[in-house]
C-alpha atoms as a PDB file:
ATOM      1  CA  MET A   1     -20.792   9.604   9.226  1.00  0.00           C
ATOM      2  CA  PRO A   2     -21.776   8.948  12.939  1.00  0.00           C
ATOM      3  CA  ALA A   3     -19.785  10.813  15.633  1.00  0.00           C
ATOM      4  CA  MET A   4     -18.133   7.542  16.872  1.00  0.00           C
ATOM      5  CA  SER A   5     -17.052   6.750  13.389  1.00  0.00           C
ATOM      6  CA  ALA A   6     -15.514  10.167  12.999  1.00  0.00           C
ATOM      7  CA  LEU A   7     -13.661   9.738  16.262  1.00  0.00           C
ATOM      8  CA  ALA A   8     -11.782   6.538  15.103  1.00  0.00           C
ATOM      9  CA  PRO A   9      -9.846   8.256  12.269  1.00  0.00           C
ATOM     10  CA  LEU A  10      -8.975  11.099  14.590  1.00  0.00           C
ATOM     11  CA  ALA A  11      -7.693   8.643  17.177  1.00  0.00           C
ATOM     12  CA  ALA A  12      -5.701   6.832  14.475  1.00  0.00           C
ATOM     13  CA  PHE A  13      -4.042  10.099  13.407  1.00  0.00           C
ATOM     14  CA  VAL A  14      -3.194  11.327  16.867  1.00  0.00           C
ATOM     15  CA  VAL A  15      -1.777   7.977  18.181  1.00  0.00           C
ATOM     16  CA  ALA A  16       0.232   7.337  14.968  1.00  0.00           C
ATOM     17  CA  ALA A  17       1.762  10.803  15.133  1.00  0.00           C
ATOM     18  CA  LEU A  18       2.687  10.393  18.752  1.00  0.00           C
ATOM     19  CA  ALA A  19       4.067   6.922  18.199  1.00  0.00           C
ATOM     20  CA  ALA A  20       6.180   8.030  15.241  1.00  0.00           C
ATOM     21  CA  GLY A  21       7.565  10.884  17.299  1.00  0.00           C
ATOM     22  CA  LEU A  22       8.543   8.363  19.979  1.00  0.00           C
ATOM     23  CA  LEU A  23      10.199   6.167  17.356  1.00  0.00           C
ATOM     24  CA  LEU A  24      12.498   9.104  16.569  1.00  0.00           C
ATOM     25  CA  LEU A  25      13.804   9.443  20.080  1.00  0.00           C
ATOM     26  CA  PRO A  26      17.545   8.512  20.341  1.00  0.00           C
ATOM     27  CA  ALA A  27      16.842   5.333  22.284  1.00  0.00           C
ATOM     28  CA  ALA A  28      14.512   3.989  19.570  1.00  0.00           C
ATOM     29  CA  ARG A  29      15.949   5.415  16.317  1.00  0.00           C
ATOM     30  CA  ARG A  30      19.056   3.202  16.603  1.00  0.00           C
ATOM     31  CA  PHE A  31      16.927   0.048  16.267  1.00  0.00           C
ATOM     32  CA  ALA A  32      16.282  -1.614  12.807  1.00  0.00           C
ATOM     33  CA  LEU A  33      18.250   0.974  10.855  1.00  0.00           C
ATOM     34  CA  ASP A  34      18.036   0.971   7.096  1.00  0.00           C
ATOM     35  CA  VAL A  35      21.661   1.389   6.132  1.00  0.00           C
ATOM     36  CA  PRO A  36      22.161   2.543   2.464  1.00  0.00           C
ATOM     37  CA  ASN A  37      23.581   0.185  -0.026  1.00  0.00           C
ATOM     38  CA  GLU A  38      24.110   0.086  -3.749  1.00  0.00           C
ATOM     39  CA  ARG A  39      20.322  -0.567  -4.294  1.00  0.00           C
ATOM     40  CA  SER A  40      19.062   2.204  -1.972  1.00  0.00           C
ATOM     41  CA  LEU A  41      17.877   5.747  -2.937  1.00  0.00           C
ATOM     42  CA  HIS A  42      18.822   7.294   0.390  1.00  0.00           C
ATOM     43  CA  SER A  43      22.286   8.292   1.611  1.00  0.00           C
ATOM     44  CA  HIS A  44      21.994   8.167   5.421  1.00  0.00           C
ATOM     45  CA  PRO A  45      20.875   5.409   7.833  1.00  0.00           C
ATOM     46  CA  LEU A  46      17.266   5.831   8.931  1.00  0.00           C
ATOM     47  CA  PRO A  47      15.109   3.839  11.225  1.00  0.00           C
ATOM     48  CA  ARG A  48      12.558   1.637   9.410  1.00  0.00           C
ATOM     49  CA  THR A  49      10.075   1.155  12.318  1.00  0.00           C
ATOM     50  CA  GLY A  50       7.484   3.694  11.201  1.00  0.00           C
ATOM     51  CA  GLY A  51       5.038   0.867  10.417  1.00  0.00           C
ATOM     52  CA  ILE A  52       4.729   0.349  14.140  1.00  0.00           C
ATOM     53  CA  ALA A  53       3.241   3.859  14.435  1.00  0.00           C
ATOM     54  CA  ILE A  54       0.709   3.083  11.727  1.00  0.00           C
ATOM     55  CA  ALA A  55      -0.261  -0.171  13.382  1.00  0.00           C
ATOM     56  CA  ALA A  56      -0.679   1.683  16.708  1.00  0.00           C
ATOM     57  CA  GLY A  57      -2.951   4.252  15.091  1.00  0.00           C
ATOM     58  CA  VAL A  58      -5.129   1.649  13.462  1.00  0.00           C
ATOM     59  CA  ALA A  59      -5.340  -0.265  16.749  1.00  0.00           C
ATOM     60  CA  ALA A  60      -6.356   3.008  18.581  1.00  0.00           C
ATOM     61  CA  SER A  61      -9.160   3.471  15.944  1.00  0.00           C
ATOM     62  CA  SER A  62     -10.677   0.132  16.877  1.00  0.00           C
ATOM     63  CA  VAL A  63     -10.696   1.185  20.566  1.00  0.00           C
ATOM     64  CA  ALA A  64     -12.254   4.561  19.768  1.00  0.00           C
ATOM     65  CA  ALA A  65     -14.928   2.909  17.595  1.00  0.00           C
ATOM     66  CA  LEU A  66     -15.651   0.296  20.272  1.00  0.00           C
ATOM     67  CA  THR A  67     -15.260  -2.477  17.676  1.00  0.00           C
ATOM     68  CA  LEU A  68     -13.369  -5.761  17.617  1.00  0.00           C
ATOM     69  CA  PRO A  69     -10.763  -6.159  14.900  1.00  0.00           C
ATOM     70  CA  GLY A  70     -12.170  -8.104  11.964  1.00  0.00           C
ATOM     71  CA  SER A  71     -10.352 -11.040  10.347  1.00  0.00           C
ATOM     72  CA  ALA A  72      -8.476  -8.809   7.877  1.00  0.00           C
ATOM     73  CA  LEU A  73      -7.009  -6.768  10.682  1.00  0.00           C
ATOM     74  CA  VAL A  74      -6.038  -9.777  12.678  1.00  0.00           C
ATOM     75  CA  LEU A  75      -4.256 -11.259   9.756  1.00  0.00           C
ATOM     76  CA  ALA A  76      -2.585  -7.907   8.990  1.00  0.00           C
ATOM     77  CA  ALA A  77      -1.374  -7.752  12.609  1.00  0.00           C
ATOM     78  CA  ALA A  78       0.143 -11.197  12.248  1.00  0.00           C
ATOM     79  CA  LEU A  79       1.843 -10.146   9.038  1.00  0.00           C
ATOM     80  CA  ALA A  80       3.178  -7.056  10.831  1.00  0.00           C
ATOM     81  CA  VAL A  81       4.765  -9.225  13.531  1.00  0.00           C
ATOM     82  CA  ILE A  82       6.444 -11.446  10.991  1.00  0.00           C
ATOM     83  CA  SER A  83       7.534  -8.450   8.969  1.00  0.00           C
ATOM     84  CA  PHE A  84       8.934  -6.734  12.095  1.00  0.00           C
ATOM     85  CA  ALA A  85      11.056  -9.794  12.692  1.00  0.00           C
ATOM     86  CA  ASP A  86      12.317  -9.595   9.147  1.00  0.00           C
ATOM     87  CA  ASP A  87      13.221  -5.877   9.561  1.00  0.00           C
ATOM     88  CA  ALA A  88      15.054  -6.719  12.732  1.00  0.00           C
ATOM     89  CA  MET A  89      16.920  -9.766  11.915  1.00  0.00           C
ATOM     90  CA  GLY A  90      16.056 -10.970   8.425  1.00  0.00           C
ATOM     91  CA  LEU A  91      13.855 -13.983   7.527  1.00  0.00           C
ATOM     92  CA  PRO A  92      14.106 -16.423   4.532  1.00  0.00           C
ATOM     93  CA  THR A  93      12.205 -15.203   1.471  1.00  0.00           C
ATOM     94  CA  ALA A  94      10.342 -18.558   1.188  1.00  0.00           C
ATOM     95  CA  LEU A  95       8.989 -18.218   4.742  1.00  0.00           C
ATOM     96  CA  ARG A  96       7.767 -14.653   4.157  1.00  0.00           C
ATOM     97  CA  LEU A  97       6.041 -15.588   0.902  1.00  0.00           C
ATOM     98  CA  ALA A  98       4.470 -18.536   2.620  1.00  0.00           C
ATOM     99  CA  MET A  99       2.912 -16.334   5.365  1.00  0.00           C
ATOM    100  CA  HIS A 100       1.692 -13.894   2.691  1.00  0.00           C
ATOM    101  CA  LEU A 101       0.032 -16.730   0.815  1.00  0.00           C
ATOM    102  CA  ALA A 102      -1.457 -18.235   3.932  1.00  0.00           C
ATOM    103  CA  ALA A 103      -2.969 -14.780   5.004  1.00  0.00           C
ATOM    104  CA  ALA A 104      -4.385 -14.278   1.536  1.00  0.00           C
ATOM    105  CA  GLY A 105      -5.867 -17.725   1.476  1.00  0.00           C
ATOM    106  CA  ALA A 106      -7.452 -17.188   4.901  1.00  0.00           C
ATOM    107  CA  VAL A 107      -9.177 -14.067   3.682  1.00  0.00           C
ATOM    108  CA  VAL A 108     -10.716 -15.857   0.729  1.00  0.00           C
ATOM    109  CA  ALA A 109     -11.743 -18.813   2.905  1.00  0.00           C
ATOM    110  CA  LEU A 110     -13.374 -16.592   5.533  1.00  0.00           C
ATOM    111  CA  GLN A 111     -15.085 -14.142   3.185  1.00  0.00           C
ATOM    112  CA  LEU A 112     -15.917 -15.794  -0.028  1.00  0.00           C
ATOM    113  CA  GLU A 113     -17.608 -18.825  -1.511  1.00  0.00           C
ATOM    114  CA  LEU A 114     -15.926 -19.419  -4.857  1.00  0.00           C
ATOM    115  CA  PRO A 115     -14.906 -22.288  -7.062  1.00  0.00           C
ATOM    116  CA  PHE A 116     -11.416 -23.473  -6.346  1.00  0.00           C
ATOM    117  CA  LEU A 117      -9.768 -21.779  -9.332  1.00  0.00           C
ATOM    118  CA  ALA A 118     -11.482 -18.522  -8.756  1.00  0.00           C
ATOM    119  CA  ALA A 119     -10.545 -18.635  -5.008  1.00  0.00           C
ATOM    120  CA  LEU A 120      -6.986 -19.379  -5.945  1.00  0.00           C
ATOM    121  CA  ALA A 121      -6.898 -16.460  -8.394  1.00  0.00           C
ATOM    122  CA  VAL A 122      -8.251 -13.996  -5.768  1.00  0.00           C
ATOM    123  CA  ALA A 123      -5.782 -15.308  -3.066  1.00  0.00           C
ATOM    124  CA  LEU A 124      -2.845 -14.896  -5.447  1.00  0.00           C
ATOM    125  CA  ALA A 125      -3.998 -11.359  -6.218  1.00  0.00           C
ATOM    126  CA  ILE A 126      -4.081 -10.436  -2.497  1.00  0.00           C
ATOM    127  CA  ALA A 127      -0.608 -11.916  -2.087  1.00  0.00           C
ATOM    128  CA  TRP A 128       0.606 -10.088  -5.103  1.00  0.00           C
ATOM    129  CA  MET A 129      -0.780  -6.844  -3.770  1.00  0.00           C
ATOM    130  CA  THR A 130       0.882  -7.494  -0.475  1.00  0.00           C
ATOM    131  CA  ASN A 131       4.287  -7.857  -2.149  1.00  0.00           C
ATOM    132  CA  ALA A 132       3.694  -5.112  -4.700  1.00  0.00           C
ATOM    133  CA  TYR A 133       3.241  -2.567  -1.869  1.00  0.00           C
ATOM    134  CA  ASN A 134       6.420  -3.741  -0.311  1.00  0.00           C
ATOM    135  CA  PHE A 135       8.307  -3.382  -3.651  1.00  0.00           C
ATOM    136  CA  MET A 136       6.979   0.199  -4.069  1.00  0.00           C
ATOM    137  CA  ASP A 137       8.088   1.310  -0.543  1.00  0.00           C
ATOM    138  CA  GLY A 138      11.479   2.601  -1.822  1.00  0.00           C
ATOM    139  CA  ALA A 139      11.304   6.411  -2.009  1.00  0.00           C
ATOM    140  CA  ASP A 140      10.400   9.075   0.631  1.00  0.00           C
ATOM    141  CA  GLY A 141       6.785   9.663   1.048  1.00  0.00           C
ATOM    142  CA  LEU A 142       5.680   7.283  -1.764  1.00  0.00           C
ATOM    143  CA  ALA A 143       3.985   4.355  -0.135  1.00  0.00           C
ATOM    144  CA  ALA A 144       2.503   6.417   2.755  1.00  0.00           C
ATOM    145  CA  GLY A 145       1.076   9.123   0.544  1.00  0.00           C
ATOM    146  CA  MET A 146      -0.431   6.705  -1.911  1.00  0.00           C
ATOM    147  CA  ALA A 147      -1.988   4.776   1.074  1.00  0.00           C
ATOM    148  CA  VAL A 148      -3.680   8.054   2.152  1.00  0.00           C
ATOM    149  CA  ILE A 149      -5.204   8.388  -1.317  1.00  0.00           C
ATOM    150  CA  GLY A 150      -6.033   4.738  -1.824  1.00  0.00           C
ATOM    151  CA  PHE A 151      -7.590   3.909   1.559  1.00  0.00           C
ATOM    152  CA  GLY A 152      -9.281   7.338   1.574  1.00  0.00           C
ATOM    153  CA  THR A 153     -10.872   6.461  -1.706  1.00  0.00           C
ATOM    154  CA  TYR A 154     -12.005   3.068  -0.287  1.00  0.00           C
ATOM    155  CA  ALA A 155     -13.539   4.981   2.670  1.00  0.00           C
ATOM    156  CA  LEU A 156     -15.529   7.302   0.543  1.00  0.00           C
ATOM    157  CA  ALA A 157     -16.793   4.545  -1.690  1.00  0.00           C
ATOM    158  CA  ALA A 158     -17.807   2.373   1.342  1.00  0.00           C
ATOM    159  CA  TYR A 159     -19.492   5.320   2.971  1.00  0.00           C
ATOM    160  CA  LEU A 160     -21.485   5.988  -0.253  1.00  0.00           C
ATOM    161  CA  ALA A 161     -22.498   2.363  -0.356  1.00  0.00           C
ATOM    162  CA  GLY A 162     -23.726   2.509   3.250  1.00  0.00           C
ATOM    163  CA  ALA A 163     -21.038   0.324   4.767  1.00  0.00           C
ATOM    164  CA  ALA A 164     -20.117   2.510   7.713  1.00  0.00           C
ATOM    165  CA  PRO A 165     -17.814   0.036   9.501  1.00  0.00           C
ATOM    166  CA  LEU A 166     -15.667  -0.583   6.337  1.00  0.00           C
ATOM    167  CA  ALA A 167     -15.646   3.159   5.728  1.00  0.00           C
ATOM    168  CA  THR A 168     -14.443   3.853   9.233  1.00  0.00           C
ATOM    169  CA  LEU A 169     -11.708   1.258   9.033  1.00  0.00           C
ATOM    170  CA  CYS A 170     -10.382   2.443   5.698  1.00  0.00           C
ATOM    171  CA  ALA A 171     -10.584   6.243   6.904  1.00  0.00           C
ATOM    172  CA  SER A 172      -8.658   5.166  10.022  1.00  0.00           C
ATOM    173  CA  ILE A 173      -5.932   3.455   7.983  1.00  0.00           C
ATOM    174  CA  ALA A 174      -5.673   6.547   5.796  1.00  0.00           C
ATOM    175  CA  ALA A 175      -5.483   8.809   8.823  1.00  0.00           C
ATOM    176  CA  ALA A 176      -2.731   6.732  10.423  1.00  0.00           C
ATOM    177  CA  CYS A 177      -0.751   6.866   7.256  1.00  0.00           C
ATOM    178  CA  LEU A 178      -1.253  10.555   6.902  1.00  0.00           C
ATOM    179  CA  ALA A 179       0.201  10.982  10.486  1.00  0.00           C
ATOM    180  CA  PHE A 180       3.169   8.880   9.499  1.00  0.00           C
ATOM    181  CA  LEU A 181       3.666  10.846   6.287  1.00  0.00           C
ATOM    182  CA  LEU A 182       4.448  13.938   8.364  1.00  0.00           C
ATOM    183  CA  PHE A 183       7.670  12.123   9.218  1.00  0.00           C
ATOM    184  CA  ASN A 184       8.208  10.383   5.925  1.00  0.00           C
ATOM    185  CA  PHE A 185       7.597  13.099   3.312  1.00  0.00           C
ATOM    186  CA  PRO A 186      10.799  14.125   1.633  1.00  0.00           C
ATOM    187  CA  PRO A 187      13.317  14.409   3.209  1.00  0.00           C
ATOM    188  CA  ALA A 188      12.181  11.406   5.297  1.00  0.00           C
ATOM    189  CA  ARG A 189      13.150  11.109   8.990  1.00  0.00           C
ATOM    190  CA  LEU A 190      11.525   7.661   9.378  1.00  0.00           C
ATOM    191  CA  PHE A 191      10.778   4.709   7.017  1.00  0.00           C
ATOM    192  CA  MET A 192       7.755   2.416   7.456  1.00  0.00           C
ATOM    193  CA  GLY A 193       9.757  -0.730   6.787  1.00  0.00           C
ATOM    194  CA  ASP A 194       8.209  -4.144   5.980  1.00  0.00           C
ATOM    195  CA  VAL A 195       6.348  -3.931   9.310  1.00  0.00           C
ATOM    196  CA  GLY A 196       4.335  -1.121   7.531  1.00  0.00           C
ATOM    197  CA  SER A 197       4.334  -1.873   3.886  1.00  0.00           C
ATOM    198  CA  VAL A 198       3.418  -5.552   4.012  1.00  0.00           C
ATOM    199  CA  PRO A 199       0.320  -5.128   6.198  1.00  0.00           C
ATOM    200  CA  LEU A 200      -0.776  -2.114   4.205  1.00  0.00           C
ATOM    201  CA  GLY A 201      -0.421  -4.075   0.876  1.00  0.00           C
ATOM    202  CA  PHE A 202      -2.397  -6.994   2.405  1.00  0.00           C
ATOM    203  CA  LEU A 203      -5.136  -4.669   3.702  1.00  0.00           C
ATOM    204  CA  ALA A 204      -5.377  -2.968   0.207  1.00  0.00           C
ATOM    205  CA  GLY A 205      -6.077  -6.355  -1.293  1.00  0.00           C
ATOM    206  CA  ALA A 206      -8.152  -7.866   1.596  1.00  0.00           C
ATOM    207  CA  LEU A 207     -10.394  -4.763   2.126  1.00  0.00           C
ATOM    208  CA  GLY A 208     -10.715  -4.446  -1.616  1.00  0.00           C
ATOM    209  CA  VAL A 209     -12.083  -8.004  -1.764  1.00  0.00           C
ATOM    210  CA  GLN A 210     -14.243  -7.353   1.249  1.00  0.00           C
ATOM    211  CA  GLY A 211     -15.840  -4.299  -0.451  1.00  0.00           C
ATOM    212  CA  TRP A 212     -16.478  -6.443  -3.485  1.00  0.00           C
ATOM    213  CA  SER A 213     -17.973  -9.326  -1.510  1.00  0.00           C
ATOM    214  CA  THR A 214     -20.376  -6.995   0.405  1.00  0.00           C
ATOM    215  CA  GLY A 215     -21.481  -5.159  -2.741  1.00  0.00           C
ATOM    216  CA  CYS A 216     -19.655  -1.839  -2.118  1.00  0.00           C
ATOM    217  CA  TRP A 217     -17.878  -1.886  -5.461  1.00  0.00           C
ATOM    218  CA  PRO A 218     -17.050  -4.198  -8.364  1.00  0.00           C
ATOM    219  CA  LEU A 219     -13.834  -6.225  -8.428  1.00  0.00           C
ATOM    220  CA  TRP A 220     -12.109  -3.804 -10.778  1.00  0.00           C
ATOM    221  CA  PHE A 221     -12.451  -0.942  -8.374  1.00  0.00           C
ATOM    222  CA  PRO A 222      -9.478  -1.849  -5.978  1.00  0.00           C
ATOM    223  CA  LEU A 223      -7.343  -2.596  -9.001  1.00  0.00           C
ATOM    224  CA  LEU A 224      -7.965   0.784 -10.511  1.00  0.00           C
ATOM    225  CA  VAL A 225      -7.610   2.645  -7.234  1.00  0.00           C
ATOM    226  CA  PHE A 226      -4.160   1.139  -6.573  1.00  0.00           C
ATOM    227  CA  ALA A 227      -3.225   0.887 -10.380  1.00  0.00           C
ATOM    228  CA  PRO A 228      -0.053   3.020 -10.107  1.00  0.00           C
ATOM    229  CA  PHE A 229       1.311   0.591  -7.465  1.00  0.00           C
ATOM    230  CA  VAL A 230       0.122  -2.599  -9.177  1.00  0.00           C
ATOM    231  CA  GLY A 231       1.212  -1.474 -12.681  1.00  0.00           C
ATOM    232  CA  ASP A 232       4.643  -0.329 -11.726  1.00  0.00           C
ATOM    233  CA  ALA A 233       5.383  -3.601  -9.747  1.00  0.00           C
ATOM    234  CA  THR A 234       4.001  -5.834 -12.450  1.00  0.00           C
ATOM    235  CA  LEU A 235       5.652  -4.224 -15.389  1.00  0.00           C
ATOM    236  CA  THR A 236       8.957  -4.202 -13.554  1.00  0.00           C
ATOM    237  CA  LEU A 237       8.624  -7.871 -12.599  1.00  0.00           C
ATOM    238  CA  ALA A 238       7.710  -8.766 -16.228  1.00  0.00           C
ATOM    239  CA  ARG A 239      10.689  -6.833 -17.550  1.00  0.00           C
ATOM    240  CA  ARG A 240      13.046  -8.519 -15.161  1.00  0.00           C
ATOM    241  CA  LEU A 241      11.696 -11.950 -15.853  1.00  0.00           C
ATOM    242  CA  TRP A 242      12.104 -11.268 -19.642  1.00  0.00           C
ATOM    243  CA  ARG A 243      15.815 -10.507 -18.941  1.00  0.00           C
ATOM    244  CA  ARG A 244      16.042 -13.581 -16.808  1.00  0.00           C
ATOM    245  CA  GLU A 245      17.196 -11.596 -13.749  1.00  0.00           C
ATOM    246  CA  ARG A 246      17.008 -12.853 -10.177  1.00  0.00           C
ATOM    247  CA  VAL A 247      13.594 -11.260  -9.444  1.00  0.00           C
ATOM    248  CA  TRP A 248      13.812 -12.155  -5.602  1.00  0.00           C
ATOM    249  CA  GLN A 249      16.795  -9.760  -5.264  1.00  0.00           C
ATOM    250  CA  ALA A 250      16.417  -6.053  -4.248  1.00  0.00           C
ATOM    251  CA  HIS A 251      17.073  -3.615  -7.100  1.00  0.00           C
ATOM    252  CA  ARG A 252      16.469  -0.090  -8.298  1.00  0.00           C
ATOM    253  CA  GLU A 253      14.603  -0.651 -11.552  1.00  0.00           C
ATOM    254  CA  HIS A 254      11.092   0.289 -10.640  1.00  0.00           C
ATOM    255  CA  TYR A 255       9.675   3.244 -12.616  1.00  0.00           C
ATOM    256  CA  TYR A 256       9.504   5.413  -9.520  1.00  0.00           C
ATOM    257  CA  GLN A 257      13.098   4.516  -8.728  1.00  0.00           C
ATOM    258  CA  ARG A 258      14.084   5.494 -12.186  1.00  0.00           C
ATOM    259  CA  LEU A 259      12.404   8.869 -11.898  1.00  0.00           C
ATOM    260  CA  VAL A 260      14.432   9.507  -8.744  1.00  0.00           C
ATOM    261  CA  ARG A 261      17.669   8.458 -10.387  1.00  0.00           C
ATOM    262  CA  LEU A 262      16.843  10.552 -13.424  1.00  0.00           C
ATOM    263  CA  GLY A 263      16.999  13.644 -11.300  1.00  0.00           C
ATOM    264  CA  PHE A 264      13.421  14.212 -10.358  1.00  0.00           C
ATOM    265  CA  GLY A 265      14.244  13.637  -6.736  1.00  0.00           C
ATOM    266  CA  HIS A 266      12.079  12.108  -4.013  1.00  0.00           C
ATOM    267  CA  ARG A 267       9.754  15.054  -3.661  1.00  0.00           C
ATOM    268  CA  ARG A 268       8.842  15.608  -7.327  1.00  0.00           C
ATOM    269  CA  THR A 269       8.550  11.828  -7.772  1.00  0.00           C
ATOM    270  CA  ALA A 270       6.204  11.505  -4.888  1.00  0.00           C
ATOM    271  CA  LEU A 271       4.089  14.333  -6.237  1.00  0.00           C
ATOM    272  CA  ILE A 272       3.879  12.720  -9.667  1.00  0.00           C
ATOM    273  CA  GLU A 273       2.953   9.430  -8.153  1.00  0.00           C
ATOM    274  CA  TYR A 274       0.311  11.153  -6.010  1.00  0.00           C
ATOM    275  CA  ALA A 275      -1.196  12.757  -9.078  1.00  0.00           C
ATOM    276  CA  ALA A 276      -1.340   9.418 -10.923  1.00  0.00           C
ATOM    277  CA  MET A 277      -3.001   7.732  -7.919  1.00  0.00           C
ATOM    278  CA  ALA A 278      -5.466  10.604  -7.401  1.00  0.00           C
ATOM    279  CA  GLY A 279      -6.362  10.477 -11.080  1.00  0.00           C
ATOM    280  CA  CYS A 280      -7.038   6.762 -10.973  1.00  0.00           C
ATOM    281  CA  ALA A 281      -9.004   7.161  -7.741  1.00  0.00           C
ATOM    282  CA  ALA A 282     -11.102   9.887  -9.262  1.00  0.00           C
ATOM    283  CA  ILE A 283     -11.918   7.908 -12.349  1.00  0.00           C
ATOM    284  CA  ALA A 284     -12.849   4.860 -10.320  1.00  0.00           C
ATOM    285  CA  LEU A 285     -15.208   6.848  -8.073  1.00  0.00           C
ATOM    286  CA  ALA A 286     -16.736   8.724 -11.116  1.00  0.00           C
ATOM    287  CA  VAL A 287     -17.782   5.583 -12.956  1.00  0.00           C
ATOM    288  CA  LEU A 288     -18.904   3.464 -10.031  1.00  0.00           C
ATOM    289  CA  GLY A 289     -22.529   3.989 -10.851  1.00  0.00           C
ATOM    290  CA  GLN A 290     -22.219   3.872 -14.590  1.00  0.00           C
ATOM    291  CA  SER A 291     -22.919   0.997 -16.975  1.00  0.00           C
ATOM    292  CA  PRO A 292     -20.382  -1.897 -17.276  1.00  0.00           C
ATOM    293  CA  ALA A 293     -19.379  -0.577 -20.762  1.00  0.00           C
ATOM    294  CA  VAL A 294     -18.521   2.801 -19.360  1.00  0.00           C
ATOM    295  CA  GLN A 295     -16.592   1.128 -16.434  1.00  0.00           C
ATOM    296  CA  ALA A 296     -14.600  -1.031 -18.832  1.00  0.00           C
ATOM    297  CA  PHE A 297     -13.760   1.892 -21.037  1.00  0.00           C
ATOM    298  CA  ALA A 298     -12.594   3.953 -17.987  1.00  0.00           C
ATOM    299  CA  PHE A 299     -10.446   1.139 -16.694  1.00  0.00           C
ATOM    300  CA  LEU A 300      -8.940   0.679 -20.193  1.00  0.00           C
ATOM    301  CA  TRP A 301      -8.332   4.359 -20.536  1.00  0.00           C
ATOM    302  CA  ALA A 302      -6.547   4.593 -17.242  1.00  0.00           C
ATOM    303  CA  SER A 303      -4.481   1.524 -18.033  1.00  0.00           C
ATOM    304  CA  VAL A 304      -3.377   2.906 -21.371  1.00  0.00           C
ATOM    305  CA  ALA A 305      -2.525   6.278 -19.634  1.00  0.00           C
ATOM    306  CA  LEU A 306      -0.356   4.525 -17.068  1.00  0.00           C
ATOM    307  CA  LEU A 307       1.331   2.474 -19.714  1.00  0.00           C
ATOM    308  CA  GLY A 308       2.030   5.600 -21.644  1.00  0.00           C
ATOM    309  CA  GLY A 309       3.684   7.008 -18.522  1.00  0.00           C
ATOM    310  CA  ALA A 310       5.892   3.892 -18.299  1.00  0.00           C
ATOM    311  CA  VAL A 311       6.825   4.289 -21.939  1.00  0.00           C
ATOM    312  CA  TRP A 312       7.761   7.847 -21.248  1.00  0.00           C
ATOM    313  CA  ILE A 313      10.055   6.951 -18.374  1.00  0.00           C
ATOM    314  CA  ASP A 314      11.655   4.202 -20.500  1.00  0.00           C
ATOM    315  CA  HIS A 315      12.380   6.794 -23.109  1.00  0.00           C
ATOM    316  CA  LEU A 316      13.981   9.192 -20.632  1.00  0.00           C
ATOM    317  CA  TRP A 317      16.002   6.262 -19.150  1.00  0.00           C
ATOM    318  CA  ARG A 318      17.401   5.182 -22.505  1.00  0.00           C
ATOM    319  CA  ALA A 319      18.219   8.757 -23.586  1.00  0.00           C
ATOM    320  CA  PRO A 320      21.892   9.974 -23.329  1.00  0.00           C
ATOM    321  CA  ARG A 321      22.557  11.926 -20.205  1.00  0.00           C
END
């Protein structure tokens, strides 16, 4: 990787770490507090402004690399502003979803030339990834640590494909999340909030599509890399729809939340999820250059393994305790 490209992730890490430290100062930490309620997994109020530190780090990486932000970053920044307003004062669910769909649609319109139905499917997938990441940001260290693994995997795959700008951007996002993780790993002192989780989920989808459109990887690759996130959120939504629950309301029924509530705690749950994410990422990287049949088998095997993990957690949840 060229020296300037290596400087960008370093700048992202340093600036994100400094910004996170500033957000913990007494004058700042009282703003946008996440006060525990019956659906929370934490017991003390904590600031949910850590996403600002991640955004600052990624912005610094663009300056260090002497590059202008691409369309995905500009759209992610817009979502960060909207999400910050939601963290601070609350916004209607319909408005937030409309913004997510608009950003996803803009990515597809700007990057791809697809038939209408295919374009709609890709846009909905990006919007779902945006919300899935938000849903999965509910335990200490979980979303940030998995972002380090996921975007780090994107960076390596893009680098191997010769796409240095995409590799640098993904490495910078991973570096900024790693800096934030220093403050978020259990026991967390700072949450990322929607201002962090929504743009990260959007970028996971948007940059995954960008890598596909530029030939860095097949379309299944980002789905497998982020499979633990996508799988948990999708299975949980399907289960709640089956039970005719109000799916738009906050809850504590995700599989990772069940692990915490079963007594695994935030730290062990995070490590289990990191292992699942790292396993999926390793499989995705290992079969990138293999035949379509091998890739399909690997994707199916990983999906079955994750489904088996969900069945195991369901068994533990139903067992007397």
